Amino acid sequence: MTSKRTIFIGDIHGCYDEFMLLLEKLQVLKDETVYLVWDIINKWPKSYEVLDFVYQNRDQFKAIKGNHEINILKFIEGNTQWRTPAGIKDMQKTFEQIWDRIELIEYLRNLPLSIETPNFLMIHGGLIPWKDISDHHVDEITRLREYEWQPWHSYYTWEKPIIYGHWAVQWLHITDNTICLDSGCVYGKELTAYILETKKIISQKALKQYKDPFKDYTSWKK
């Protein structure tokens, strides 16, 4: 009998085709849970298809807020002062696809910032290990990459694994009991899944490069 797996998938950023191909490789069973580190939206126009699929299968696909989910919610509220012109353009594309799907917007609003079980902690960005997770500011937990000029995970000493994304410049990065699954699919790299029980990595190569990371200011600064 096949053991039930706990599956994590990194930043999708609207790469729906690669997401579907990765799920085919994974052959997810009905009693298995898939955890999405997110960001699942923005940067590529199939954000709607990804979001709709996850929403329709939300009992099995568990997600948290990433910085881009927070960004689109701010955009919907009319707050664009914090974004670059390229970032606003991405927000506009996503908003045009979901503006009439109130249930999708409410779904995004109600997502948690983290998911923690006895076996793992999942966040999108980073954390300060000696600070209680409930005391972190939303920008820390969804955007943090460095703390005191060092990668935040270099300070990590907990025994519980942390699965996170948000840091495409690292690509797939596993160290100090932390697993970064942002392997840069939207930048022409890969979409990556991680199996908690076996520590197995399963990846799907990007079908093409959708964004240039050296021109995409938001990928490096936000």
N, C-alpha and C. Protein backbone atom coordinates (compact mmCIF):
# COMPACT_ATOMS: atom_id res chain seq x y z
N MET A 1 0.85 -1.20 0.00
CA MET A 1 0.00 0.00 0.00
C MET A 1 0.89 1.25 0.00
N THR A 2 0.56 2.20 -0.86
CA THR A 2 1.33 3.45 -0.95
C THR A 2 1.04 4.35 0.23
N SER A 3 2.10 4.85 0.86
CA SER A 3 1.92 5.76 1.99
C SER A 3 1.41 7.11 1.50
N LYS A 4 0.56 7.70 2.30
CA LYS A 4 0.02 9.03 1.97
C LYS A 4 1.12 10.06 2.08
N ARG A 5 1.20 10.95 1.09
CA ARG A 5 2.25 11.95 1.05
C ARG A 5 1.73 13.33 1.43
N THR A 6 2.62 14.14 1.97
CA THR A 6 2.36 15.56 2.18
C THR A 6 3.18 16.30 1.13
N ILE A 7 2.49 17.01 0.22
CA ILE A 7 3.12 17.57 -0.97
C ILE A 7 3.11 19.10 -0.89
N PHE A 8 4.24 19.70 -1.21
CA PHE A 8 4.34 21.15 -1.28
C PHE A 8 4.75 21.56 -2.69
N ILE A 9 4.19 22.66 -3.17
CA ILE A 9 4.54 23.19 -4.49
C ILE A 9 4.90 24.66 -4.33
N GLY A 10 5.98 25.07 -4.99
CA GLY A 10 6.49 26.44 -4.87
C GLY A 10 5.76 27.45 -5.73
N ASP A 11 6.33 28.63 -5.84
CA ASP A 11 5.70 29.78 -6.50
C ASP A 11 5.31 29.45 -7.95
N ILE A 12 4.02 29.62 -8.25
CA ILE A 12 3.50 29.27 -9.57
C ILE A 12 3.45 30.50 -10.49
N HIS A 13 3.06 31.63 -9.98
CA HIS A 13 3.00 32.89 -10.74
C HIS A 13 2.28 32.74 -12.07
N GLY A 14 1.13 32.10 -12.04
CA GLY A 14 0.31 32.02 -13.25
C GLY A 14 0.77 31.01 -14.28
N CYS A 15 1.77 30.20 -13.98
CA CYS A 15 2.27 29.18 -14.93
C CYS A 15 1.36 27.96 -14.86
N TYR A 16 0.15 28.10 -15.38
CA TYR A 16 -0.88 27.07 -15.26
C TYR A 16 -0.49 25.78 -15.98
N ASP A 17 0.07 25.89 -17.17
CA ASP A 17 0.41 24.69 -17.94
C ASP A 17 1.44 23.84 -17.20
N GLU A 18 2.46 24.49 -16.67
CA GLU A 18 3.47 23.76 -15.91
C GLU A 18 2.88 23.17 -14.63
N PHE A 19 1.96 23.88 -14.01
CA PHE A 19 1.28 23.40 -12.81
C PHE A 19 0.53 22.11 -13.10
N MET A 20 -0.21 22.08 -14.20
CA MET A 20 -0.96 20.88 -14.57
C MET A 20 -0.01 19.73 -14.91
N LEU A 21 1.09 20.01 -15.59
CA LEU A 21 2.06 18.96 -15.92
C LEU A 21 2.72 18.40 -14.67
N LEU A 22 3.00 19.28 -13.70
CA LEU A 22 3.60 18.82 -12.45
C LEU A 22 2.62 17.93 -11.68
N LEU A 23 1.35 18.30 -11.67
CA LEU A 23 0.35 17.48 -10.99
C LEU A 23 0.22 16.12 -11.65
N GLU A 24 0.36 16.07 -12.97
CA GLU A 24 0.35 14.78 -13.66
C GLU A 24 1.51 13.91 -13.20
N LYS A 25 2.68 14.50 -13.06
CA LYS A 25 3.85 13.76 -12.58
C LYS A 25 3.64 13.26 -11.15
N LEU A 26 3.01 14.08 -10.33
CA LEU A 26 2.82 13.74 -8.93
C LEU A 26 1.77 12.66 -8.73
N GLN A 27 0.79 12.59 -9.64
CA GLN A 27 -0.30 11.62 -9.50
C GLN A 27 -0.89 11.68 -8.09
N VAL A 28 -1.40 12.87 -7.75
CA VAL A 28 -1.92 13.13 -6.41
C VAL A 28 -3.15 12.27 -6.14
N LEU A 29 -3.15 11.59 -5.00
CA LEU A 29 -4.28 10.76 -4.60
C LEU A 29 -5.33 11.62 -3.90
N LYS A 30 -6.55 11.12 -3.85
CA LYS A 30 -7.65 11.90 -3.29
C LYS A 30 -7.48 12.20 -1.81
N ASP A 31 -6.77 11.33 -1.09
CA ASP A 31 -6.60 11.55 0.35
C ASP A 31 -5.30 12.25 0.69
N GLU A 32 -4.58 12.76 -0.32
CA GLU A 32 -3.35 13.49 -0.08
C GLU A 32 -3.61 15.00 -0.14
N THR A 33 -2.89 15.73 0.68
CA THR A 33 -3.03 17.18 0.72
C THR A 33 -1.86 17.83 -0.01
N VAL A 34 -2.18 18.83 -0.82
CA VAL A 34 -1.16 19.60 -1.53
C VAL A 34 -1.13 20.99 -0.93
N TYR A 35 0.04 21.40 -0.45
CA TYR A 35 0.21 22.71 0.14
C TYR A 35 0.92 23.63 -0.85
N LEU A 36 0.34 24.80 -1.06
CA LEU A 36 0.87 25.76 -2.02
C LEU A 36 1.54 26.92 -1.28
N VAL A 37 2.85 27.03 -1.51
CA VAL A 37 3.63 28.08 -0.86
C VAL A 37 3.22 29.46 -1.38
N TRP A 38 2.67 29.50 -2.57
CA TRP A 38 2.31 30.71 -3.26
C TRP A 38 3.50 31.64 -3.39
N ASP A 39 3.59 32.58 -4.24
CA ASP A 39 2.59 33.29 -5.02
C ASP A 39 2.06 32.40 -6.16
N ILE A 40 0.74 32.34 -6.31
CA ILE A 40 0.22 31.62 -7.46
C ILE A 40 -0.18 32.57 -8.58
N ILE A 41 -0.33 33.88 -8.28
CA ILE A 41 -0.84 34.80 -9.30
C ILE A 41 0.21 35.85 -9.66
N ASN A 42 -0.14 36.61 -10.72
CA ASN A 42 0.66 37.72 -11.25
C ASN A 42 1.90 37.23 -12.01
N LYS A 43 2.45 38.12 -12.78
CA LYS A 43 3.61 37.94 -13.65
C LYS A 43 3.27 37.22 -14.96
N TRP A 44 2.29 36.31 -14.95
CA TRP A 44 1.93 35.64 -16.19
C TRP A 44 0.41 35.55 -16.30
N PRO A 45 -0.16 35.74 -17.53
CA PRO A 45 -1.60 35.93 -17.69
C PRO A 45 -2.49 34.75 -17.32
N LYS A 46 -1.97 33.57 -17.05
CA LYS A 46 -2.85 32.46 -16.68
C LYS A 46 -3.08 32.39 -15.17
N SER A 47 -2.92 33.53 -14.52
CA SER A 47 -3.20 33.60 -13.08
C SER A 47 -4.62 33.16 -12.77
N TYR A 48 -5.57 33.56 -13.62
CA TYR A 48 -6.97 33.22 -13.37
C TYR A 48 -7.17 31.71 -13.38
N GLU A 49 -6.57 31.03 -14.36
CA GLU A 49 -6.74 29.58 -14.46
C GLU A 49 -6.18 28.87 -13.23
N VAL A 50 -5.02 29.33 -12.76
CA VAL A 50 -4.43 28.73 -11.56
C VAL A 50 -5.32 28.98 -10.35
N LEU A 51 -5.72 30.23 -10.16
CA LEU A 51 -6.53 30.58 -9.00
C LEU A 51 -7.86 29.84 -9.01
N ASP A 52 -8.51 29.76 -10.16
CA ASP A 52 -9.80 29.08 -10.25
C ASP A 52 -9.64 27.59 -9.93
N PHE A 53 -8.59 26.97 -10.43
CA PHE A 53 -8.36 25.55 -10.15
C PHE A 53 -8.16 25.32 -8.65
N VAL A 54 -7.33 26.14 -8.04
CA VAL A 54 -7.06 25.98 -6.60
C VAL A 54 -8.34 26.20 -5.80
N TYR A 55 -9.11 27.22 -6.18
CA TYR A 55 -10.36 27.49 -5.47
C TYR A 55 -11.33 26.32 -5.59
N GLN A 56 -11.47 25.78 -6.79
CA GLN A 56 -12.39 24.67 -7.00
C GLN A 56 -11.96 23.42 -6.24
N ASN A 57 -10.67 23.32 -5.95
CA ASN A 57 -10.14 22.14 -5.25
C ASN A 57 -9.56 22.50 -3.88
N ARG A 58 -10.13 23.54 -3.26
CA ARG A 58 -9.56 24.10 -2.03
C ARG A 58 -9.61 23.15 -0.85
N ASP A 59 -10.45 22.14 -0.87
CA ASP A 59 -10.46 21.18 0.24
C ASP A 59 -9.20 20.32 0.25
N GLN A 60 -8.59 20.16 -0.91
CA GLN A 60 -7.39 19.34 -1.03
C GLN A 60 -6.13 20.18 -1.19
N PHE A 61 -6.26 21.35 -1.82
CA PHE A 61 -5.13 22.24 -2.07
C PHE A 61 -5.17 23.38 -1.05
N LYS A 62 -4.24 23.36 -0.11
CA LYS A 62 -4.22 24.33 0.98
C LYS A 62 -3.17 25.40 0.68
N ALA A 63 -3.57 26.66 0.80
CA ALA A 63 -2.68 27.76 0.41
C ALA A 63 -2.58 28.80 1.51
N ILE A 64 -1.56 29.63 1.39
CA ILE A 64 -1.37 30.77 2.28
C ILE A 64 -1.24 32.03 1.43
N LYS A 65 -1.32 33.18 2.08
CA LYS A 65 -1.11 34.43 1.37
C LYS A 65 0.37 34.61 1.05
N GLY A 66 0.66 34.94 -0.20
CA GLY A 66 1.99 35.41 -0.58
C GLY A 66 1.94 36.91 -0.78
N ASN A 67 3.08 37.53 -1.03
CA ASN A 67 3.09 38.97 -1.22
C ASN A 67 2.28 39.40 -2.44
N HIS A 68 2.20 38.55 -3.46
CA HIS A 68 1.43 38.95 -4.64
C HIS A 68 -0.07 38.82 -4.42
N GLU A 69 -0.49 37.93 -3.56
CA GLU A 69 -1.91 37.90 -3.19
C GLU A 69 -2.26 39.14 -2.39
N ILE A 70 -1.37 39.55 -1.51
CA ILE A 70 -1.58 40.79 -0.76
C ILE A 70 -1.57 41.98 -1.71
N ASN A 71 -0.67 41.95 -2.70
CA ASN A 71 -0.60 43.05 -3.66
C ASN A 71 -1.91 43.22 -4.43
N ILE A 72 -2.49 42.13 -4.90
CA ILE A 72 -3.71 42.25 -5.70
C ILE A 72 -4.87 42.73 -4.83
N LEU A 73 -4.90 42.33 -3.57
CA LEU A 73 -5.95 42.82 -2.67
C LEU A 73 -5.80 44.32 -2.43
N LYS A 74 -4.57 44.80 -2.31
CA LYS A 74 -4.34 46.24 -2.18
C LYS A 74 -4.76 46.96 -3.45
N PHE A 75 -4.44 46.36 -4.59
CA PHE A 75 -4.81 46.96 -5.88
C PHE A 75 -6.32 47.10 -5.98
N ILE A 76 -7.05 46.07 -5.59
CA ILE A 76 -8.51 46.10 -5.64
C ILE A 76 -9.06 47.22 -4.75
N GLU A 77 -8.36 47.49 -3.65
CA GLU A 77 -8.78 48.56 -2.75
C GLU A 77 -8.36 49.94 -3.24
N GLY A 78 -7.63 49.99 -4.38
CA GLY A 78 -7.21 51.27 -4.95
C GLY A 78 -5.87 51.76 -4.47
N ASN A 79 -5.12 50.92 -3.77
CA ASN A 79 -3.81 51.31 -3.24
C ASN A 79 -2.72 50.86 -4.22
N THR A 80 -2.17 51.79 -4.98
CA THR A 80 -1.11 51.47 -5.93
C THR A 80 0.15 52.30 -5.70
N GLN A 81 0.20 53.08 -4.64
CA GLN A 81 1.34 53.96 -4.39
C GLN A 81 2.63 53.20 -4.11
N TRP A 82 2.50 51.98 -3.65
CA TRP A 82 3.65 51.18 -3.22
C TRP A 82 4.24 50.37 -4.37
N ARG A 83 3.71 50.50 -5.62
CA ARG A 83 4.13 49.63 -6.70
C ARG A 83 4.88 50.38 -7.79
N THR A 84 5.74 49.64 -8.52
CA THR A 84 6.38 50.15 -9.71
C THR A 84 5.40 50.10 -10.87
N PRO A 85 5.66 50.82 -11.97
CA PRO A 85 4.78 50.72 -13.15
C PRO A 85 4.62 49.29 -13.64
N ALA A 86 5.71 48.50 -13.63
CA ALA A 86 5.62 47.11 -14.07
C ALA A 86 4.74 46.30 -13.12
N GLY A 87 4.86 46.59 -11.83
CA GLY A 87 4.03 45.88 -10.85
C GLY A 87 2.56 46.21 -11.02
N ILE A 88 2.25 47.48 -11.26
CA ILE A 88 0.86 47.89 -11.47
C ILE A 88 0.29 47.22 -12.72
N LYS A 89 1.10 47.09 -13.75
CA LYS A 89 0.65 46.42 -14.97
C LYS A 89 0.29 44.97 -14.69
N ASP A 90 1.10 44.28 -13.90
CA ASP A 90 0.79 42.90 -13.51
C ASP A 90 -0.51 42.84 -12.73
N MET A 91 -0.70 43.75 -11.78
CA MET A 91 -1.92 43.78 -11.00
C MET A 91 -3.15 43.97 -11.89
N GLN A 92 -3.02 44.88 -12.86
CA GLN A 92 -4.14 45.17 -13.76
C GLN A 92 -4.54 43.94 -14.56
N LYS A 93 -3.55 43.20 -15.05
CA LYS A 93 -3.84 41.98 -15.82
C LYS A 93 -4.61 40.97 -14.98
N THR A 94 -4.16 40.78 -13.75
CA THR A 94 -4.83 39.82 -12.88
C THR A 94 -6.22 40.30 -12.51
N PHE A 95 -6.34 41.60 -12.19
CA PHE A 95 -7.64 42.14 -11.80
C PHE A 95 -8.66 42.00 -12.93
N GLU A 96 -8.24 42.21 -14.15
CA GLU A 96 -9.16 42.09 -15.29
C GLU A 96 -9.72 40.68 -15.42
N GLN A 97 -8.99 39.70 -14.91
CA GLN A 97 -9.44 38.32 -15.00
C GLN A 97 -10.35 37.91 -13.85
N ILE A 98 -10.21 38.55 -12.69
CA ILE A 98 -10.96 38.08 -11.52
C ILE A 98 -11.96 39.07 -10.98
N TRP A 99 -12.09 40.25 -11.57
CA TRP A 99 -12.89 41.32 -10.96
C TRP A 99 -14.35 40.91 -10.73
N ASP A 100 -14.89 40.02 -11.59
CA ASP A 100 -16.29 39.63 -11.46
C ASP A 100 -16.46 38.31 -10.71
N ARG A 101 -15.39 37.79 -10.13
CA ARG A 101 -15.46 36.55 -9.35
C ARG A 101 -15.25 36.90 -7.88
N ILE A 102 -16.33 37.39 -7.27
CA ILE A 102 -16.25 37.84 -5.88
C ILE A 102 -15.78 36.72 -4.97
N GLU A 103 -16.18 35.48 -5.26
CA GLU A 103 -15.79 34.37 -4.41
C GLU A 103 -14.28 34.14 -4.42
N LEU A 104 -13.63 34.42 -5.57
CA LEU A 104 -12.18 34.28 -5.64
C LEU A 104 -11.48 35.36 -4.81
N ILE A 105 -12.01 36.57 -4.88
CA ILE A 105 -11.43 37.68 -4.11
C ILE A 105 -11.58 37.43 -2.62
N GLU A 106 -12.76 36.94 -2.21
CA GLU A 106 -12.98 36.64 -0.80
C GLU A 106 -12.09 35.48 -0.36
N TYR A 107 -11.88 34.53 -1.24
CA TYR A 107 -10.99 33.41 -0.94
C TYR A 107 -9.58 33.93 -0.64
N LEU A 108 -9.08 34.84 -1.48
CA LEU A 108 -7.76 35.42 -1.26
C LEU A 108 -7.71 36.18 0.06
N ARG A 109 -8.75 36.94 0.35
CA ARG A 109 -8.78 37.73 1.58
C ARG A 109 -8.69 36.85 2.82
N ASN A 110 -9.29 35.68 2.77
CA ASN A 110 -9.40 34.84 3.95
C ASN A 110 -8.28 33.82 4.10
N LEU A 111 -7.32 33.84 3.20
CA LEU A 111 -6.20 32.91 3.33
C LEU A 111 -5.34 33.26 4.55
N PRO A 112 -4.80 32.25 5.21
CA PRO A 112 -3.89 32.53 6.34
C PRO A 112 -2.52 32.96 5.85
N LEU A 113 -1.72 33.51 6.75
CA LEU A 113 -0.35 33.89 6.43
C LEU A 113 0.63 32.73 6.62
N SER A 114 0.20 31.70 7.32
CA SER A 114 1.05 30.55 7.55
C SER A 114 0.18 29.34 7.84
N ILE A 115 0.77 28.17 7.67
CA ILE A 115 0.14 26.91 8.09
C ILE A 115 1.18 26.14 8.88
N GLU A 116 0.81 25.75 10.10
CA GLU A 116 1.73 25.01 10.95
C GLU A 116 1.06 23.75 11.47
N THR A 117 1.79 22.65 11.41
CA THR A 117 1.38 21.37 11.97
C THR A 117 2.52 20.87 12.86
N PRO A 118 2.34 19.76 13.54
CA PRO A 118 3.47 19.22 14.32
C PRO A 118 4.67 18.86 13.46
N ASN A 119 4.47 18.73 12.14
CA ASN A 119 5.53 18.24 11.26
C ASN A 119 6.20 19.31 10.40
N PHE A 120 5.58 20.47 10.25
CA PHE A 120 6.16 21.50 9.39
C PHE A 120 5.53 22.85 9.67
N LEU A 121 6.22 23.89 9.20
CA LEU A 121 5.69 25.24 9.16
C LEU A 121 5.83 25.74 7.72
N MET A 122 4.76 26.26 7.16
CA MET A 122 4.81 26.80 5.80
C MET A 122 4.51 28.30 5.84
N ILE A 123 5.41 29.08 5.28
CA ILE A 123 5.24 30.52 5.13
C ILE A 123 5.63 30.88 3.70
N HIS A 124 5.36 32.11 3.31
CA HIS A 124 5.76 32.48 1.95
C HIS A 124 7.14 33.13 1.91
N GLY A 125 7.39 34.04 2.83
CA GLY A 125 8.63 34.80 2.80
C GLY A 125 9.66 34.27 3.78
N GLY A 126 9.76 34.91 4.94
CA GLY A 126 10.75 34.49 5.92
C GLY A 126 10.29 34.81 7.32
N LEU A 127 11.13 34.47 8.28
CA LEU A 127 10.82 34.81 9.66
C LEU A 127 12.10 35.05 10.44
N ILE A 128 11.92 35.68 11.57
CA ILE A 128 13.01 35.88 12.52
C ILE A 128 12.88 34.78 13.55
N PRO A 129 13.77 33.80 13.57
CA PRO A 129 13.54 32.56 14.33
C PRO A 129 13.29 32.75 15.82
N TRP A 130 13.84 33.80 16.46
CA TRP A 130 13.62 33.98 17.89
C TRP A 130 12.37 34.83 18.18
N LYS A 131 11.61 35.09 17.15
CA LYS A 131 10.39 35.88 17.29
C LYS A 131 9.19 34.97 17.05
N ASP A 132 8.21 35.01 17.93
CA ASP A 132 7.03 34.17 17.76
C ASP A 132 6.36 34.49 16.43
N ILE A 133 5.89 33.47 15.77
CA ILE A 133 5.33 33.68 14.43
C ILE A 133 4.14 34.62 14.45
N SER A 134 3.38 34.60 15.52
CA SER A 134 2.21 35.48 15.62
C SER A 134 2.59 36.94 15.79
N ASP A 135 3.86 37.20 16.15
CA ASP A 135 4.33 38.57 16.35
C ASP A 135 4.95 39.17 15.09
N HIS A 136 5.06 38.39 14.04
CA HIS A 136 5.65 38.90 12.80
C HIS A 136 4.68 39.84 12.09
N HIS A 137 5.22 40.89 11.52
CA HIS A 137 4.43 41.78 10.66
C HIS A 137 4.15 41.05 9.36
N VAL A 138 3.03 41.40 8.71
CA VAL A 138 2.66 40.75 7.46
C VAL A 138 3.76 40.87 6.41
N ASP A 139 4.48 41.99 6.39
CA ASP A 139 5.55 42.16 5.40
C ASP A 139 6.75 41.27 5.72
N GLU A 140 6.97 40.97 6.98
CA GLU A 140 8.06 40.05 7.33
C GLU A 140 7.74 38.65 6.84
N ILE A 141 6.58 38.18 7.15
CA ILE A 141 6.26 36.79 6.88
C ILE A 141 6.00 36.52 5.39
N THR A 142 5.70 37.58 4.63
CA THR A 142 5.46 37.38 3.20
C THR A 142 6.57 37.91 2.31
N ARG A 143 7.47 38.75 2.84
CA ARG A 143 8.47 39.40 1.99
C ARG A 143 9.92 39.24 2.47
N LEU A 144 10.11 38.87 3.72
CA LEU A 144 11.46 38.86 4.28
C LEU A 144 12.38 37.88 3.54
N ARG A 145 13.56 38.37 3.17
CA ARG A 145 14.60 37.51 2.60
C ARG A 145 15.86 37.55 3.45
N GLU A 146 16.21 38.74 3.91
CA GLU A 146 17.42 38.90 4.71
C GLU A 146 17.09 39.56 6.04
N TYR A 147 17.90 39.22 7.04
CA TYR A 147 17.79 39.85 8.35
C TYR A 147 19.21 40.18 8.80
N GLU A 148 19.44 41.43 9.14
CA GLU A 148 20.77 41.91 9.52
C GLU A 148 21.82 41.51 8.47
N TRP A 149 21.44 41.73 7.21
CA TRP A 149 22.32 41.54 6.04
C TRP A 149 22.69 40.09 5.77
N GLN A 150 21.98 39.15 6.38
CA GLN A 150 22.21 37.74 6.13
C GLN A 150 20.90 37.07 5.72
N PRO A 151 20.95 35.98 4.94
CA PRO A 151 19.71 35.25 4.65
C PRO A 151 19.02 34.87 5.96
N TRP A 152 17.73 35.09 6.03
CA TRP A 152 17.03 34.83 7.31
C TRP A 152 17.21 33.39 7.76
N HIS A 153 17.29 32.46 6.80
CA HIS A 153 17.37 31.05 7.19
C HIS A 153 18.72 30.68 7.80
N SER A 154 19.73 31.56 7.67
CA SER A 154 21.03 31.27 8.27
C SER A 154 20.97 31.35 9.80
N TYR A 155 19.92 31.98 10.33
CA TYR A 155 19.73 32.08 11.77
C TYR A 155 18.84 30.96 12.31
N TYR A 156 18.29 30.16 11.44
CA TYR A 156 17.25 29.21 11.83
C TYR A 156 17.82 28.03 12.61
N THR A 157 17.26 27.76 13.79
CA THR A 157 17.76 26.68 14.64
C THR A 157 16.66 25.71 15.09
N TRP A 158 15.43 25.92 14.66
CA TRP A 158 14.36 25.02 15.07
C TRP A 158 14.54 23.65 14.44
N GLU A 159 13.96 22.64 15.08
CA GLU A 159 13.99 21.30 14.50
C GLU A 159 12.90 21.11 13.44
N LYS A 160 11.84 21.89 13.55
CA LYS A 160 10.73 21.73 12.62
C LYS A 160 11.10 22.31 11.25
N PRO A 161 10.90 21.55 10.17
CA PRO A 161 11.20 22.08 8.83
C PRO A 161 10.30 23.27 8.48
N ILE A 162 10.88 24.25 7.79
CA ILE A 162 10.11 25.37 7.25
C ILE A 162 10.15 25.28 5.74
N ILE A 163 8.98 25.33 5.13
CA ILE A 163 8.87 25.35 3.68
C ILE A 163 8.43 26.74 3.28
N TYR A 164 9.14 27.35 2.33
CA TYR A 164 8.85 28.72 1.95
C TYR A 164 9.16 28.94 0.46
N GLY A 165 8.87 30.15 -0.02
CA GLY A 165 9.14 30.50 -1.42
C GLY A 165 9.73 31.90 -1.49
N HIS A 166 9.27 32.68 -2.48
CA HIS A 166 9.51 34.12 -2.56
C HIS A 166 10.92 34.52 -3.00
N TRP A 167 11.87 33.60 -3.09
CA TRP A 167 13.26 34.00 -3.30
C TRP A 167 13.80 33.29 -4.53
N ALA A 168 13.36 33.73 -5.71
CA ALA A 168 13.73 33.05 -6.96
C ALA A 168 15.22 33.12 -7.24
N VAL A 169 15.89 34.15 -6.74
CA VAL A 169 17.33 34.26 -6.99
C VAL A 169 18.10 33.10 -6.36
N GLN A 170 17.53 32.47 -5.32
CA GLN A 170 18.15 31.28 -4.74
C GLN A 170 17.86 30.03 -5.55
N TRP A 171 16.78 30.09 -6.37
CA TRP A 171 16.21 28.92 -7.04
C TRP A 171 15.82 27.90 -5.96
N LEU A 172 15.93 26.64 -6.25
CA LEU A 172 15.65 25.63 -5.23
C LEU A 172 16.80 25.64 -4.22
N HIS A 173 16.44 25.82 -2.94
CA HIS A 173 17.50 25.99 -1.94
C HIS A 173 17.08 25.28 -0.66
N ILE A 174 17.87 24.28 -0.27
CA ILE A 174 17.57 23.51 0.93
C ILE A 174 18.77 23.57 1.85
N THR A 175 18.57 24.16 3.03
CA THR A 175 19.65 24.28 4.00
C THR A 175 19.09 24.58 5.37
N ASP A 176 19.79 24.16 6.41
CA ASP A 176 19.42 24.49 7.79
C ASP A 176 17.97 24.13 8.10
N ASN A 177 17.51 23.01 7.56
CA ASN A 177 16.14 22.54 7.78
C ASN A 177 15.10 23.51 7.22
N THR A 178 15.49 24.28 6.21
CA THR A 178 14.58 25.16 5.50
C THR A 178 14.59 24.79 4.03
N ILE A 179 13.42 24.83 3.41
CA ILE A 179 13.27 24.39 2.02
C ILE A 179 12.62 25.50 1.23
N CYS A 180 13.38 26.16 0.35
CA CYS A 180 12.84 27.18 -0.54
C CYS A 180 12.43 26.53 -1.85
N LEU A 181 11.15 26.64 -2.21
CA LEU A 181 10.63 25.99 -3.41
C LEU A 181 10.37 26.97 -4.55
N ASP A 182 10.83 28.21 -4.42
CA ASP A 182 10.69 29.14 -5.55
C ASP A 182 11.83 28.88 -6.52
N SER A 183 11.59 28.01 -7.49
CA SER A 183 12.63 27.62 -8.44
C SER A 183 12.49 28.33 -9.78
N GLY A 184 11.79 29.47 -9.79
CA GLY A 184 11.82 30.38 -10.93
C GLY A 184 11.15 29.90 -12.20
N CYS A 185 10.01 29.24 -12.08
CA CYS A 185 9.33 28.76 -13.28
C CYS A 185 9.01 29.89 -14.24
N VAL A 186 8.50 31.00 -13.72
CA VAL A 186 8.11 32.12 -14.58
C VAL A 186 9.32 32.73 -15.28
N TYR A 187 10.52 32.47 -14.75
CA TYR A 187 11.75 32.98 -15.36
C TYR A 187 12.43 31.94 -16.25
N GLY A 188 11.69 30.88 -16.59
CA GLY A 188 12.21 29.88 -17.50
C GLY A 188 12.94 28.73 -16.84
N LYS A 189 12.84 28.62 -15.52
CA LYS A 189 13.52 27.55 -14.79
C LYS A 189 12.56 26.36 -14.58
N GLU A 190 12.13 26.15 -13.35
CA GLU A 190 11.31 24.98 -13.04
C GLU A 190 10.23 25.31 -12.02
N LEU A 191 9.18 24.50 -12.03
CA LEU A 191 8.19 24.50 -10.96
C LEU A 191 8.46 23.25 -10.13
N THR A 192 8.57 23.41 -8.82
CA THR A 192 9.09 22.34 -7.97
C THR A 192 8.10 21.91 -6.90
N ALA A 193 8.04 20.59 -6.71
CA ALA A 193 7.27 19.99 -5.61
C ALA A 193 8.24 19.29 -4.66
N TYR A 194 7.86 19.24 -3.39
CA TYR A 194 8.66 18.61 -2.35
C TYR A 194 7.76 17.67 -1.56
N ILE A 195 8.21 16.43 -1.36
CA ILE A 195 7.47 15.45 -0.59
C ILE A 195 8.07 15.40 0.81
N LEU A 196 7.29 15.76 1.80
CA LEU A 196 7.80 15.89 3.16
C LEU A 196 8.34 14.56 3.71
N GLU A 197 7.59 13.49 3.50
CA GLU A 197 7.94 12.21 4.13
C GLU A 197 9.23 11.61 3.57
N THR A 198 9.48 11.80 2.30
CA THR A 198 10.65 11.18 1.65
C THR A 198 11.73 12.19 1.29
N LYS A 199 11.43 13.48 1.44
CA LYS A 199 12.33 14.57 1.04
C LYS A 199 12.64 14.52 -0.46
N LYS A 200 11.74 13.97 -1.21
CA LYS A 200 11.92 13.84 -2.66
C LYS A 200 11.52 15.14 -3.36
N ILE A 201 12.29 15.51 -4.37
CA ILE A 201 12.02 16.68 -5.20
C ILE A 201 11.50 16.20 -6.56
N ILE A 202 10.39 16.77 -7.00
CA ILE A 202 9.84 16.49 -8.33
C ILE A 202 9.64 17.83 -9.02
N SER A 203 10.20 17.98 -10.21
CA SER A 203 10.15 19.27 -10.89
C SER A 203 9.58 19.16 -12.30
N GLN A 204 9.03 20.26 -12.75
CA GLN A 204 8.55 20.40 -14.13
C GLN A 204 9.25 21.59 -14.75
N LYS A 205 9.97 21.37 -15.82
CA LYS A 205 10.68 22.45 -16.50
C LYS A 205 9.69 23.42 -17.13
N ALA A 206 10.01 24.70 -17.06
CA ALA A 206 9.17 25.72 -17.69
C ALA A 206 9.08 25.48 -19.20
N LEU A 207 7.93 25.69 -19.76
CA LEU A 207 7.75 25.51 -21.20
C LEU A 207 8.43 26.62 -21.98
N LYS A 208 8.60 27.76 -21.32
CA LYS A 208 9.36 28.86 -21.92
C LYS A 208 9.67 29.87 -20.82
N GLN A 209 10.46 30.86 -21.16
CA GLN A 209 10.74 31.95 -20.21
C GLN A 209 9.68 33.02 -20.42
N TYR A 210 8.90 33.28 -19.38
CA TYR A 210 7.82 34.24 -19.47
C TYR A 210 8.26 35.64 -19.04
N LYS A 211 9.20 35.70 -18.13
CA LYS A 211 9.69 36.98 -17.61
C LYS A 211 11.20 36.96 -17.55
N ASP A 212 11.81 38.13 -17.72
CA ASP A 212 13.24 38.28 -17.57
C ASP A 212 13.52 38.75 -16.15
N PRO A 213 14.16 37.93 -15.32
CA PRO A 213 14.37 38.33 -13.92
C PRO A 213 15.24 39.57 -13.77
N PHE A 214 16.08 39.86 -14.74
CA PHE A 214 16.95 41.03 -14.62
C PHE A 214 16.22 42.32 -14.99
N LYS A 215 15.08 42.17 -15.65
CA LYS A 215 14.28 43.35 -15.97
C LYS A 215 13.06 43.47 -15.06
N ASP A 216 12.70 42.37 -14.40
CA ASP A 216 11.53 42.37 -13.55
C ASP A 216 11.90 42.86 -12.16
N TYR A 217 11.81 44.15 -11.95
CA TYR A 217 12.24 44.76 -10.69
C TYR A 217 11.57 44.12 -9.49
N THR A 218 10.28 43.76 -9.63
CA THR A 218 9.55 43.25 -8.48
C THR A 218 10.08 41.92 -8.01
N SER A 219 10.69 41.13 -8.89
CA SER A 219 11.17 39.81 -8.47
C SER A 219 12.37 39.91 -7.54
N TRP A 220 13.07 41.03 -7.61
CA TRP A 220 14.27 41.17 -6.79
C TRP A 220 14.05 42.06 -5.57
N LYS A 221 13.12 42.97 -5.68
CA LYS A 221 12.97 43.97 -4.63
C LYS A 221 11.73 43.78 -3.76
N LYS A 222 10.77 42.96 -4.21
CA LYS A 222 9.54 42.83 -3.43
C LYS A 222 9.23 41.37 -3.19
